Amino acid sequence: MSIRETTELLLEGRFICAVTCPEAFDDLNNPAVSEQITALLAPLNRKIAKTKGGNAYYAAWANLENNSDREAITREFEAVRNQLRPVVTFILELMDCDLRDHPLNVGDIVSEAEIITILENNTFLNERNVALLRQLTSRHMSDPIRIQVKFIFDHMKKFGIIAETTEGSRRFRITGKLEYIYEVLEFINSREQILEKNTDRQNLSVQGDVFNG
């Protein structure tokens, strides 16, 4: 993949990992290529950031004091915050369906068909699935479970949390963005009092830690 293509993916807000785009991920692991992309991002007030676990790259804001970018930063922060609850509910549901007692990791495979079968035979989990659906939409509540699950998986794919292994297979891998979501949750849990207040300065402080890499 070309340097330009990788840079454009970052500027689109994509999280680049071995699941979503292995070629670009390998490029960003290359110091020489990473240095060139850093130079391209700098005039746009962006820089390359990496999750703590090292499984995903993304474009972070380089200077949060730039007034012209504050509106864009706020929009990104709100978008991530709006995704948190349904994503967490989704991950917990997957863990319950798989009887896991540990978090899902980048690269783990999830089969939509298997989840449907489990939900069809478990009233408790099906109720949790309906609760998750309600977080995403007011539609599909009376639809068959397979339709509900497909809608949820499509939404998580849109969020960038899962990626289909092969187009049309309805088998998915967990992406590196989940690692980023875990980091955001850890940050929110440690700064809960900050998030309970809504002044511009406090919101900017939160956004700074989340989006400044």
Protein backbone atom coordinates (compact mmCIF):
# COMPACT_ATOMS: atom_id res chain seq x y z
CA MET A 1 0.00 0.00 0.00
CA SER A 2 1.29 3.46 -0.89
CA ILE A 3 2.22 6.10 1.67
CA ARG A 4 -0.55 8.31 0.30
CA GLU A 5 -3.18 5.58 0.74
CA THR A 6 -2.10 4.88 4.32
CA THR A 7 -2.12 8.59 5.14
CA GLU A 8 -5.60 8.99 3.68
CA LEU A 9 -6.89 6.08 5.79
CA LEU A 10 -5.57 7.78 8.91
CA LEU A 11 -7.14 11.10 7.95
CA GLU A 12 -10.47 9.33 7.38
CA GLY A 13 -10.42 8.35 11.04
CA ARG A 14 -9.68 4.70 10.38
CA PHE A 15 -7.99 2.50 12.95
CA ILE A 16 -5.32 0.57 11.10
CA CYS A 17 -4.51 -2.88 12.45
CA ALA A 18 -3.47 -6.32 11.24
CA VAL A 19 -7.16 -7.19 10.81
CA THR A 20 -8.48 -4.17 8.93
CA CYS A 21 -5.49 -3.34 6.74
CA PRO A 22 -2.41 -5.54 7.24
CA GLU A 23 -0.33 -3.85 4.52
CA ALA A 24 -0.83 -0.37 5.98
CA PHE A 25 -0.22 -1.76 9.48
CA ASP A 26 3.11 -3.21 8.36
CA ASP A 27 4.02 0.12 6.75
CA LEU A 28 3.33 2.01 9.97
CA ASN A 29 5.52 -0.47 11.84
CA ASN A 30 8.33 0.56 9.50
CA PRO A 31 10.13 3.59 11.05
CA ALA A 32 11.14 4.98 7.66
CA VAL A 33 7.59 4.92 6.31
CA SER A 34 6.16 6.17 9.59
CA GLU A 35 8.50 9.16 9.47
CA GLN A 36 7.29 10.10 5.99
CA ILE A 37 3.64 9.85 7.00
CA THR A 38 4.34 11.92 10.11
CA ALA A 39 5.72 14.68 7.87
CA LEU A 40 2.56 14.57 5.72
CA LEU A 41 0.26 14.76 8.75
CA ALA A 42 2.08 17.58 10.54
CA PRO A 43 0.72 20.50 8.44
CA LEU A 44 -2.79 19.15 9.09
CA ASN A 45 -2.31 19.27 12.87
CA ARG A 46 -2.27 15.50 13.08
CA LYS A 47 0.21 12.87 14.19
CA ILE A 48 0.42 9.09 14.27
CA ALA A 49 -0.75 7.50 17.52
CA LYS A 50 -0.73 3.87 18.60
CA THR A 51 -2.80 2.00 21.17
CA LYS A 52 -0.95 0.90 24.31
CA GLY A 53 -1.11 -2.72 23.24
CA GLY A 54 0.42 -1.80 19.89
CA ASN A 55 -2.35 -3.44 17.87
CA ALA A 56 -3.75 -0.34 16.14
CA TYR A 57 -2.61 2.98 14.68
CA TYR A 58 -4.75 6.08 14.25
CA ALA A 59 -4.39 9.80 13.61
CA ALA A 60 -4.41 11.90 16.77
CA TRP A 61 -4.54 15.67 17.06
CA ALA A 62 -1.11 17.24 17.48
CA ASN A 63 -2.19 20.59 18.96
CA LEU A 64 -5.48 20.78 20.82
CA GLU A 65 -5.15 24.52 21.42
CA ASN A 66 -5.79 25.26 17.75
CA ASN A 67 -9.19 27.01 17.83
CA SER A 68 -9.98 26.13 14.22
CA ASP A 69 -9.87 22.41 15.05
CA ARG A 70 -11.80 22.46 18.32
CA GLU A 71 -15.16 21.83 16.65
CA ALA A 72 -13.81 18.78 14.81
CA ILE A 73 -12.20 17.48 18.00
CA THR A 74 -15.49 17.85 19.87
CA ARG A 75 -17.39 15.99 17.12
CA GLU A 76 -14.92 13.11 17.26
CA PHE A 77 -15.14 12.93 21.03
CA GLU A 78 -18.94 12.84 20.96
CA ALA A 79 -18.92 10.15 18.26
CA VAL A 80 -16.65 7.92 20.35
CA ARG A 81 -18.63 8.55 23.53
CA ASN A 82 -21.88 7.64 21.76
CA GLN A 83 -20.36 4.34 20.65
CA LEU A 84 -19.11 3.28 24.07
CA ARG A 85 -22.30 1.93 25.62
CA PRO A 86 -23.48 -0.23 22.69
CA VAL A 87 -19.94 -1.48 22.04
CA VAL A 88 -19.47 -2.51 25.67
CA THR A 89 -22.89 -4.22 25.70
CA PHE A 90 -21.98 -6.00 22.45
CA ILE A 91 -18.67 -7.27 23.83
CA LEU A 92 -20.31 -8.46 27.07
CA GLU A 93 -22.95 -10.29 25.04
CA LEU A 94 -20.29 -12.03 22.96
CA MET A 95 -18.42 -13.03 26.11
CA ASP A 96 -21.60 -14.44 27.67
CA CYS A 97 -22.43 -16.37 24.52
CA ASP A 98 -18.94 -17.86 24.53
CA LEU A 99 -18.92 -18.35 28.32
CA ARG A 100 -15.76 -16.24 28.55
CA ASP A 101 -14.43 -14.79 31.78
CA HIS A 102 -11.83 -12.64 30.01
CA PRO A 103 -12.13 -9.82 27.43
CA LEU A 104 -12.16 -10.40 23.70
CA ASN A 105 -8.88 -9.61 22.00
CA VAL A 106 -7.83 -8.27 18.63
CA GLY A 107 -8.09 -10.98 15.98
CA ASP A 108 -10.63 -13.15 17.84
CA ILE A 109 -13.23 -14.62 15.47
CA VAL A 110 -16.96 -14.24 16.01
CA SER A 111 -19.56 -16.11 13.96
CA GLU A 112 -22.90 -14.39 13.46
CA ALA A 113 -24.63 -17.73 12.85
CA GLU A 114 -23.32 -19.16 16.13
CA ILE A 115 -24.50 -16.12 18.07
CA ILE A 116 -27.97 -16.40 16.51
CA THR A 117 -28.25 -20.08 17.49
CA ILE A 118 -27.22 -19.33 21.08
CA LEU A 119 -29.67 -16.42 21.41
CA GLU A 120 -32.53 -18.45 19.99
CA ASN A 121 -32.05 -20.96 22.80
CA ASN A 122 -31.36 -18.63 25.71
CA THR A 123 -34.07 -16.26 26.92
CA PHE A 124 -31.78 -14.26 29.20
CA LEU A 125 -29.21 -13.58 26.49
CA ASN A 126 -31.95 -12.79 24.01
CA GLU A 127 -33.28 -10.12 26.38
CA ARG A 128 -29.80 -8.62 26.59
CA ASN A 129 -29.66 -8.62 22.80
CA VAL A 130 -32.95 -6.70 22.64
CA ALA A 131 -31.53 -4.19 25.14
CA LEU A 132 -28.50 -3.72 22.90
CA LEU A 133 -30.72 -3.30 19.87
CA ARG A 134 -32.69 -0.63 21.74
CA GLN A 135 -29.45 1.32 22.27
CA LEU A 136 -28.91 1.42 18.53
CA THR A 137 -32.41 1.87 17.09
CA SER A 138 -36.12 1.93 17.84
CA ARG A 139 -36.74 -0.42 14.92
CA HIS A 140 -36.49 -4.21 14.53
CA MET A 141 -37.82 -4.94 18.03
CA SER A 142 -40.38 -7.41 16.72
CA ASP A 143 -38.16 -8.85 13.99
CA PRO A 144 -36.76 -12.39 14.14
CA ILE A 145 -33.55 -12.79 16.12
CA ARG A 146 -31.48 -13.33 12.97
CA ILE A 147 -32.57 -9.93 11.62
CA GLN A 148 -31.81 -8.24 14.93
CA VAL A 149 -28.37 -9.82 15.16
CA LYS A 150 -27.53 -8.94 11.57
CA PHE A 151 -28.44 -5.31 12.23
CA ILE A 152 -26.24 -5.24 15.34
CA PHE A 153 -23.28 -6.86 13.60
CA ASP A 154 -23.61 -4.47 10.67
CA HIS A 155 -23.57 -1.56 13.12
CA MET A 156 -20.47 -2.86 14.90
CA LYS A 157 -18.82 -3.28 11.51
CA LYS A 158 -19.72 0.34 10.75
CA PHE A 159 -18.21 1.38 14.10
CA GLY A 160 -15.01 -0.43 13.08
CA ILE A 161 -15.13 -2.87 15.99
CA ILE A 162 -15.36 -5.97 13.80
CA ALA A 163 -14.32 -6.76 10.23
CA GLU A 164 -15.62 -9.57 8.06
CA THR A 165 -13.06 -12.29 7.41
CA THR A 166 -14.37 -12.82 3.86
CA GLU A 167 -17.04 -10.69 2.22
CA GLY A 168 -20.43 -12.36 2.74
CA SER A 169 -19.16 -14.98 5.21
CA ARG A 170 -20.76 -13.27 8.24
CA ARG A 171 -17.72 -14.36 10.23
CA PHE A 172 -15.86 -11.48 11.82
CA ARG A 173 -12.58 -10.66 13.53
CA ILE A 174 -12.27 -8.22 16.39
CA THR A 175 -10.27 -5.19 15.21
CA GLY A 176 -7.65 -3.05 16.87
CA LYS A 177 -10.21 -0.33 17.52
CA LEU A 178 -11.51 -2.40 20.44
CA GLU A 179 -8.14 -1.93 22.12
CA TYR A 180 -8.65 1.83 21.76
CA ILE A 181 -12.17 1.56 23.22
CA TYR A 182 -10.74 -0.29 26.22
CA GLU A 183 -8.29 2.58 26.72
CA VAL A 184 -11.06 5.19 26.52
CA LEU A 185 -13.10 3.26 29.10
CA GLU A 186 -10.09 3.03 31.39
CA PHE A 187 -9.60 6.78 31.05
CA ILE A 188 -13.27 7.55 31.74
CA ASN A 189 -13.30 5.31 34.81
CA SER A 190 -10.26 7.15 36.19
CA ARG A 191 -11.69 10.60 35.42
CA GLU A 192 -15.38 10.07 36.16
CA GLN A 193 -15.75 13.35 38.02
CA ILE A 194 -14.45 15.27 35.03
CA LEU A 195 -17.01 13.73 32.73
CA GLU A 196 -19.86 14.58 35.07
CA LYS A 197 -19.20 18.28 34.47
CA ASN A 198 -19.81 19.95 31.13
CA THR A 199 -17.76 23.14 30.94
CA ASP A 200 -15.78 23.69 27.74
CA ARG A 201 -12.46 23.65 29.58
CA GLN A 202 -13.18 20.32 31.28
CA ASN A 203 -14.47 18.75 28.08
CA LEU A 204 -11.35 19.91 26.25
CA SER A 205 -9.22 18.32 28.97
CA VAL A 206 -11.00 14.99 28.47
CA GLN A 207 -10.75 15.27 24.69
CA GLY A 208 -7.07 16.06 25.05
CA ASP A 209 -6.23 12.83 26.80
CA VAL A 210 -8.44 10.79 24.47
CA PHE A 211 -7.44 12.36 21.13
CA ASN A 212 -3.90 13.57 21.69
CA GLY A 213 -2.49 10.06 21.47
